[in-house]
Every structure is written in C-alpha cells, then in structure tokens.
Amino acid sequence: MVADIQKILETVTDPEIPVLTIQDLGIIRDIIEKENGELDIIITPTYSGCPAMNTIEINIKAALQ
C-alpha cells in the first residue's frame, strides 16, 4: 500500500515551482501505515515558515482521494 501511495505522491507538484514534485524537494519525510489501515504522511517544509505548506497538504489530500 505504501508503494501505491508513493506513486500517487510523485504526481503532486510544488505550488511555487510546479516543475518539481514534493518528492523531488524532499518534503515527504515518511509514510506510515497504521494497523487500522489509516495512513500518516509526514511532510516537512523546505524552510521554516514555508507559506505553501497548507496548499501542499490540500494537494496531497486531493491526490489521495
């Protein structure tokens, strides 16, 4: 399942630099599959106070739906 999620996340681009994905930028820190089937996707900004983090989170959720 985690491999499937990684493939989906490869399609999510950075809102400020759309030629790069969030994986290219190292924003995806970890994908954790819980016993109940839920996922935790840990993201980290490229710099502290990154204004695009809310947009990135929304884009991740949209891609996974």
Protein backbone atom coordinates (compact mmCIF):
# COMPACT_ATOMS: atom_id res chain seq x y z
CA MET A 1 0.00 0.00 0.00
CA VAL A 2 2.81 2.44 0.85
CA ALA A 3 4.34 1.91 -2.61
CA ASP A 4 0.97 2.83 -4.18
CA ILE A 5 0.80 5.99 -2.08
CA GLN A 6 4.36 6.92 -3.09
CA LYS A 7 3.38 6.65 -6.76
CA ILE A 8 0.42 8.96 -6.20
CA LEU A 9 2.55 11.46 -4.30
CA GLU A 10 5.00 11.54 -7.21
CA THR A 11 2.29 13.44 -9.11
CA VAL A 12 1.92 16.24 -6.54
CA THR A 13 3.90 19.28 -7.59
CA ASP A 14 5.21 22.16 -5.56
CA PRO A 15 2.75 25.08 -5.89
CA GLU A 16 5.58 27.60 -6.17
CA ILE A 17 7.78 25.59 -8.57
CA PRO A 18 5.38 23.31 -10.49
CA VAL A 19 8.13 21.57 -12.48
CA LEU A 20 9.25 19.90 -9.24
CA THR A 21 7.30 17.39 -7.20
CA ILE A 22 7.10 17.41 -3.45
CA GLN A 23 9.20 14.24 -3.51
CA ASP A 24 11.86 15.97 -5.63
CA LEU A 25 12.09 18.62 -2.94
CA GLY A 26 12.22 16.12 -0.05
CA ILE A 27 9.00 17.38 1.51
CA ILE A 28 7.71 13.82 2.11
CA ARG A 29 9.52 12.67 5.22
CA ASP A 30 7.66 9.41 5.88
CA ILE A 31 4.55 7.40 5.08
CA ILE A 32 3.30 5.33 7.99
CA GLU A 33 0.58 2.72 7.59
CA LYS A 34 -1.32 2.14 10.82
CA GLU A 35 -2.84 -1.18 11.87
CA ASN A 36 -6.36 0.18 11.26
CA GLY A 37 -5.48 0.97 7.63
CA GLU A 38 -5.11 4.72 8.10
CA LEU A 39 -2.04 6.49 6.81
CA ASP A 40 0.11 9.19 8.31
CA ILE A 41 2.03 11.17 5.73
CA ILE A 42 4.71 13.21 7.42
CA ILE A 43 5.71 16.32 5.50
CA THR A 44 8.38 18.84 6.31
CA PRO A 45 8.86 22.29 4.78
CA THR A 46 11.89 23.09 2.65
CA TYR A 47 12.46 26.03 5.00
CA SER A 48 10.84 27.14 8.24
CA GLY A 49 7.71 29.17 7.73
CA CYS A 50 7.16 27.95 4.16
CA PRO A 51 3.90 29.65 3.08
CA ALA A 52 2.98 26.81 0.69
CA MET A 53 2.66 24.05 3.31
CA ASN A 54 -1.13 24.42 3.65
CA THR A 55 -1.54 24.27 -0.11
CA ILE A 56 0.75 21.23 -0.30
CA GLU A 57 -1.29 19.47 2.39
CA ILE A 58 -4.52 20.19 0.49
CA ASN A 59 -2.95 18.95 -2.75
CA ILE A 60 -1.80 15.72 -1.08
CA LYS A 61 -5.30 15.05 0.26
CA ALA A 62 -6.84 15.77 -3.15
CA ALA A 63 -4.41 13.44 -4.92
CA LEU A 64 -5.14 10.61 -2.48
CA GLN A 65 -8.89 10.89 -2.93
